[in-house]
Amino acid sequence: MDPEAEIRDTKRRNEHIDMLSYVCDLEHGIPTRCPCGGSIIHEVRGKEEYDTLPGKRFFTCINYEADGFHYRQPWVIGVQEHIERLTSRVEEVEAVIKWLPEVNNKIKSLEAEVKALTVEVDRLTGKVYNLTVQVTGSRRRMRGWLQVSVSLCIKSSHGW
């Protein structure tokens, strides 16, 4: 076999294996689409000659062929898996609901802390403003004293 044909054959086999794994991965819960892109129908098996389970229900691809590439799962298994998944989600939601009062209490305590800190920030802002006013007044007085000191120094150096 030439190398190119062998590569094509290997790729084809890998794609076949990938497609089979996609179908296997899909077989959990109630399907919505087949990996081939076909829609899923609810099939009820009719009475056949040697059928031990007449009326058995399936989730089946509309393009179903028994080649392993199309989805066909018993209805009971799909519904059971779907119920198990929903049950686990309900349990998660119950845990969140039980945790909610604790979160609300934390929020209330944090809101009280924020109010207290806001009051403290307002008080400190007032103090900073007062200190700014005092510094501005001190600077004015210092300028006045400096001007008086300079003028006295100038007068004393001229002998007045």
C-alpha atoms as a PDB file:
ATOM      1  CA  MET A   1       0.000   0.000   0.000  1.00  0.00           C
ATOM      2  CA  ASP A   2       1.389   3.406  -0.870  1.00  0.00           C
ATOM      3  CA  PRO A   3       1.986   5.900   1.954  1.00  0.00           C
ATOM      4  CA  GLU A   4      -0.684   8.389   0.822  1.00  0.00           C
ATOM      5  CA  ALA A   5      -3.390   5.711   0.726  1.00  0.00           C
ATOM      6  CA  GLU A   6      -2.280   4.504   4.145  1.00  0.00           C
ATOM      7  CA  ILE A   7      -2.498   8.050   5.541  1.00  0.00           C
ATOM      8  CA  ARG A   8      -5.999   8.495   4.043  1.00  0.00           C
ATOM      9  CA  ASP A   9      -7.073   5.143   5.496  1.00  0.00           C
ATOM     10  CA  THR A  10      -5.698   6.074   8.937  1.00  0.00           C
ATOM     11  CA  LYS A  11      -7.482   9.432   8.865  1.00  0.00           C
ATOM     12  CA  ARG A  12     -10.731   7.740   7.855  1.00  0.00           C
ATOM     13  CA  ARG A  13     -10.417   5.230  10.713  1.00  0.00           C
ATOM     14  CA  ASN A  14      -9.633   8.029  13.204  1.00  0.00           C
ATOM     15  CA  GLU A  15     -12.683   9.996  12.046  1.00  0.00           C
ATOM     16  CA  HIS A  16     -14.779   6.831  12.421  1.00  0.00           C
ATOM     17  CA  ILE A  17     -13.498   6.336  15.989  1.00  0.00           C
ATOM     18  CA  ASP A  18     -14.075  10.024  16.822  1.00  0.00           C
ATOM     19  CA  MET A  19     -17.649   9.854  15.530  1.00  0.00           C
ATOM     20  CA  LEU A  20     -18.349   6.736  17.603  1.00  0.00           C
ATOM     21  CA  SER A  21     -17.001   8.502  20.703  1.00  0.00           C
ATOM     22  CA  TYR A  22     -19.229  11.520  19.973  1.00  0.00           C
ATOM     23  CA  VAL A  23     -22.253   9.229  19.868  1.00  0.00           C
ATOM     24  CA  CYS A  24     -21.182   7.536  23.132  1.00  0.00           C
ATOM     25  CA  ASP A  25     -20.623  10.905  24.818  1.00  0.00           C
ATOM     26  CA  LEU A  26     -24.083  12.025  23.774  1.00  0.00           C
ATOM     27  CA  GLU A  27     -25.844   9.069  25.314  1.00  0.00           C
ATOM     28  CA  HIS A  28     -26.592  10.796  28.615  1.00  0.00           C
ATOM     29  CA  GLY A  29     -29.995  12.217  29.459  1.00  0.00           C
ATOM     30  CA  ILE A  30     -32.597  13.267  26.934  1.00  0.00           C
ATOM     31  CA  PRO A  31     -30.935  14.033  23.585  1.00  0.00           C
ATOM     32  CA  THR A  32     -31.805  17.052  21.477  1.00  0.00           C
ATOM     33  CA  ARG A  33     -29.697  16.367  18.380  1.00  0.00           C
ATOM     34  CA  CYS A  34     -27.823  13.454  16.828  1.00  0.00           C
ATOM     35  CA  PRO A  35     -24.109  13.887  16.021  1.00  0.00           C
ATOM     36  CA  CYS A  36     -25.046  13.523  12.334  1.00  0.00           C
ATOM     37  CA  GLY A  37     -27.146  16.694  12.690  1.00  0.00           C
ATOM     38  CA  GLY A  38     -30.484  14.911  12.453  1.00  0.00           C
ATOM     39  CA  SER A  39     -33.295  15.649  14.861  1.00  0.00           C
ATOM     40  CA  ILE A  40     -34.398  13.217  17.549  1.00  0.00           C
ATOM     41  CA  ILE A  41     -37.802  11.561  17.366  1.00  0.00           C
ATOM     42  CA  HIS A  42     -39.697   9.641  20.026  1.00  0.00           C
ATOM     43  CA  GLU A  43     -40.077   6.162  18.618  1.00  0.00           C
ATOM     44  CA  VAL A  44     -42.405   3.508  20.006  1.00  0.00           C
ATOM     45  CA  ARG A  45     -41.565   0.003  18.902  1.00  0.00           C
ATOM     46  CA  GLY A  46     -44.562  -1.811  17.425  1.00  0.00           C
ATOM     47  CA  LYS A  47     -45.494  -5.437  17.917  1.00  0.00           C
ATOM     48  CA  GLU A  48     -43.185  -7.759  16.089  1.00  0.00           C
ATOM     49  CA  GLU A  49     -43.214 -11.552  15.934  1.00  0.00           C
ATOM     50  CA  TYR A  50     -40.618 -12.305  18.610  1.00  0.00           C
ATOM     51  CA  ASP A  51     -40.670  -9.012  20.436  1.00  0.00           C
ATOM     52  CA  THR A  52     -40.359  -9.445  24.195  1.00  0.00           C
ATOM     53  CA  LEU A  53     -40.977  -5.753  24.916  1.00  0.00           C
ATOM     54  CA  PRO A  54     -43.688  -4.467  22.574  1.00  0.00           C
ATOM     55  CA  GLY A  55     -44.344  -0.753  22.921  1.00  0.00           C
ATOM     56  CA  LYS A  56     -40.835   0.032  24.176  1.00  0.00           C
ATOM     57  CA  ARG A  57     -39.973   3.684  23.644  1.00  0.00           C
ATOM     58  CA  PHE A  58     -36.727   5.107  22.242  1.00  0.00           C
ATOM     59  CA  PHE A  59     -35.079   8.431  21.521  1.00  0.00           C
ATOM     60  CA  THR A  60     -33.992   7.858  17.925  1.00  0.00           C
ATOM     61  CA  CYS A  61     -32.251   9.910  15.233  1.00  0.00           C
ATOM     62  CA  ILE A  62     -34.546  10.627  12.307  1.00  0.00           C
ATOM     63  CA  ASN A  63     -31.777   9.270  10.013  1.00  0.00           C
ATOM     64  CA  TYR A  64     -31.149   6.170  12.154  1.00  0.00           C
ATOM     65  CA  GLU A  65     -29.133   3.317  10.708  1.00  0.00           C
ATOM     66  CA  ALA A  66     -27.593   0.549  12.812  1.00  0.00           C
ATOM     67  CA  ASP A  67     -24.037   1.684  11.967  1.00  0.00           C
ATOM     68  CA  GLY A  68     -23.137   3.191  15.355  1.00  0.00           C
ATOM     69  CA  PHE A  69     -23.126   6.775  14.059  1.00  0.00           C
ATOM     70  CA  HIS A  70     -26.701   7.625  14.931  1.00  0.00           C
ATOM     71  CA  TYR A  71     -28.376   8.039  18.245  1.00  0.00           C
ATOM     72  CA  ARG A  72     -30.832   5.492  19.606  1.00  0.00           C
ATOM     73  CA  GLN A  73     -31.386   5.200  23.314  1.00  0.00           C
ATOM     74  CA  PRO A  74     -34.163   3.611  25.363  1.00  0.00           C
ATOM     75  CA  TRP A  75     -36.555   6.252  26.664  1.00  0.00           C
ATOM     76  CA  VAL A  76     -36.368   4.977  30.253  1.00  0.00           C
ATOM     77  CA  ILE A  77     -32.606   5.368  30.453  1.00  0.00           C
ATOM     78  CA  GLY A  78     -32.664   8.885  28.993  1.00  0.00           C
ATOM     79  CA  VAL A  79     -35.418  10.033  31.339  1.00  0.00           C
ATOM     80  CA  GLN A  80     -33.719   8.416  34.355  1.00  0.00           C
ATOM     81  CA  GLU A  81     -30.402  10.153  33.618  1.00  0.00           C
ATOM     82  CA  HIS A  82     -32.202  13.442  33.053  1.00  0.00           C
ATOM     83  CA  ILE A  83     -34.019  13.103  36.394  1.00  0.00           C
ATOM     84  CA  GLU A  84     -30.726  12.302  38.163  1.00  0.00           C
ATOM     85  CA  ARG A  85     -29.132  15.409  36.661  1.00  0.00           C
ATOM     86  CA  LEU A  86     -32.110  17.559  37.668  1.00  0.00           C
ATOM     87  CA  THR A  87     -32.042  16.072  41.176  1.00  0.00           C
ATOM     88  CA  SER A  88     -28.393  17.021  41.614  1.00  0.00           C
ATOM     89  CA  ARG A  89     -29.155  20.560  40.418  1.00  0.00           C
ATOM     90  CA  VAL A  90     -32.056  20.812  42.894  1.00  0.00           C
ATOM     91  CA  GLU A  91     -29.706  19.704  45.690  1.00  0.00           C
ATOM     92  CA  GLU A  92     -27.220  22.405  44.673  1.00  0.00           C
ATOM     93  CA  VAL A  93     -29.988  25.018  44.710  1.00  0.00           C
ATOM     94  CA  GLU A  94     -31.125  23.814  48.156  1.00  0.00           C
ATOM     95  CA  ALA A  95     -27.586  24.283  49.459  1.00  0.00           C
ATOM     96  CA  VAL A  96     -27.532  27.828  48.079  1.00  0.00           C
ATOM     97  CA  ILE A  97     -30.944  28.575  49.596  1.00  0.00           C
ATOM     98  CA  LYS A  98     -29.761  27.316  53.007  1.00  0.00           C
ATOM     99  CA  TRP A  99     -26.702  29.534  52.736  1.00  0.00           C
ATOM    100  CA  LEU A 100     -28.749  32.629  51.796  1.00  0.00           C
ATOM    101  CA  PRO A 101     -29.727  33.796  55.337  1.00  0.00           C
ATOM    102  CA  GLU A 102     -26.077  33.714  56.385  1.00  0.00           C
ATOM    103  CA  VAL A 103     -25.164  35.837  53.368  1.00  0.00           C
ATOM    104  CA  ASN A 104     -27.965  38.293  54.156  1.00  0.00           C
ATOM    105  CA  ASN A 105     -26.682  38.642  57.744  1.00  0.00           C
ATOM    106  CA  LYS A 106     -23.165  39.284  56.445  1.00  0.00           C
ATOM    107  CA  ILE A 107     -24.518  41.917  54.057  1.00  0.00           C
ATOM    108  CA  LYS A 108     -26.390  43.667  56.881  1.00  0.00           C
ATOM    109  CA  SER A 109     -23.316  43.693  59.118  1.00  0.00           C
ATOM    110  CA  LEU A 110     -21.192  45.044  56.257  1.00  0.00           C
ATOM    111  CA  GLU A 111     -23.767  47.760  55.568  1.00  0.00           C
ATOM    112  CA  ALA A 112     -23.594  48.790  59.253  1.00  0.00           C
ATOM    113  CA  GLU A 113     -19.801  48.876  59.050  1.00  0.00           C
ATOM    114  CA  VAL A 114     -19.967  50.997  55.897  1.00  0.00           C
ATOM    115  CA  LYS A 115     -22.284  53.470  57.630  1.00  0.00           C
ATOM    116  CA  ALA A 116     -19.930  53.699  60.622  1.00  0.00           C
ATOM    117  CA  LEU A 117     -16.924  54.171  58.352  1.00  0.00           C
ATOM    118  CA  THR A 118     -18.776  56.831  56.357  1.00  0.00           C
ATOM    119  CA  VAL A 119     -19.430  58.781  59.559  1.00  0.00           C
ATOM    120  CA  GLU A 120     -15.760  58.433  60.532  1.00  0.00           C
ATOM    121  CA  VAL A 121     -14.626  59.605  57.075  1.00  0.00           C
ATOM    122  CA  ASP A 122     -16.931  62.638  57.317  1.00  0.00           C
ATOM    123  CA  ARG A 123     -15.537  63.470  60.784  1.00  0.00           C
ATOM    124  CA  LEU A 124     -11.939  63.159  59.564  1.00  0.00           C
ATOM    125  CA  THR A 125     -12.715  65.235  56.478  1.00  0.00           C
ATOM    126  CA  GLY A 126     -13.974  68.009  58.776  1.00  0.00           C
ATOM    127  CA  LYS A 127     -10.771  67.826  60.831  1.00  0.00           C
ATOM    128  CA  VAL A 128      -8.635  68.010  57.683  1.00  0.00           C
ATOM    129  CA  TYR A 129     -10.591  71.075  56.552  1.00  0.00           C
ATOM    130  CA  ASN A 130     -10.081  72.747  59.947  1.00  0.00           C
ATOM    131  CA  LEU A 131      -6.342  71.984  59.851  1.00  0.00           C
ATOM    132  CA  THR A 132      -6.144  73.393  56.314  1.00  0.00           C
ATOM    133  CA  VAL A 133      -7.801  76.594  57.489  1.00  0.00           C
ATOM    134  CA  GLN A 134      -5.410  76.806  60.452  1.00  0.00           C
ATOM    135  CA  VAL A 135      -2.363  76.244  58.220  1.00  0.00           C
ATOM    136  CA  THR A 136      -3.566  78.913  55.794  1.00  0.00           C
ATOM    137  CA  GLY A 137      -4.041  81.351  58.700  1.00  0.00           C
ATOM    138  CA  SER A 138      -0.620  80.456  60.103  1.00  0.00           C
ATOM    139  CA  ARG A 139       1.002  81.089  56.736  1.00  0.00           C
ATOM    140  CA  ARG A 140      -0.620  84.534  56.566  1.00  0.00           C
ATOM    141  CA  ARG A 141       0.581  85.364  60.074  1.00  0.00           C
ATOM    142  CA  MET A 142       4.079  84.081  59.221  1.00  0.00           C
ATOM    143  CA  ARG A 143       4.188  86.282  56.124  1.00  0.00           C
ATOM    144  CA  GLY A 144       3.095  89.229  58.222  1.00  0.00           C
ATOM    145  CA  TRP A 145       5.767  88.497  60.846  1.00  0.00           C
ATOM    146  CA  LEU A 146       8.399  88.029  58.161  1.00  0.00           C
ATOM    147  CA  GLN A 147       7.485  91.331  56.577  1.00  0.00           C
ATOM    148  CA  VAL A 148       7.670  93.060  59.960  1.00  0.00           C
ATOM    149  CA  SER A 149      10.978  91.301  60.758  1.00  0.00           C
ATOM    150  CA  VAL A 150      12.474  92.233  57.405  1.00  0.00           C
ATOM    151  CA  SER A 151      11.343  95.817  57.712  1.00  0.00           C
ATOM    152  CA  LEU A 152      12.801  95.984  61.249  1.00  0.00           C
ATOM    153  CA  CYS A 153      16.070  94.523  60.036  1.00  0.00           C
ATOM    154  CA  ILE A 154      16.192  97.028  57.203  1.00  0.00           C
ATOM    155  CA  LYS A 155      15.438  99.919  59.570  1.00  0.00           C
ATOM    156  CA  SER A 156      18.073  98.791  62.052  1.00  0.00           C
ATOM    157  CA  SER A 157      20.714  98.419  59.345  1.00  0.00           C
ATOM    158  CA  HIS A 158      20.020 101.987  58.080  1.00  0.00           C
ATOM    159  CA  GLY A 159      20.140 103.304  61.553  1.00  0.00           C
ATOM    160  CA  TRP A 160      16.709 104.747  61.697  1.00  0.00           C
END
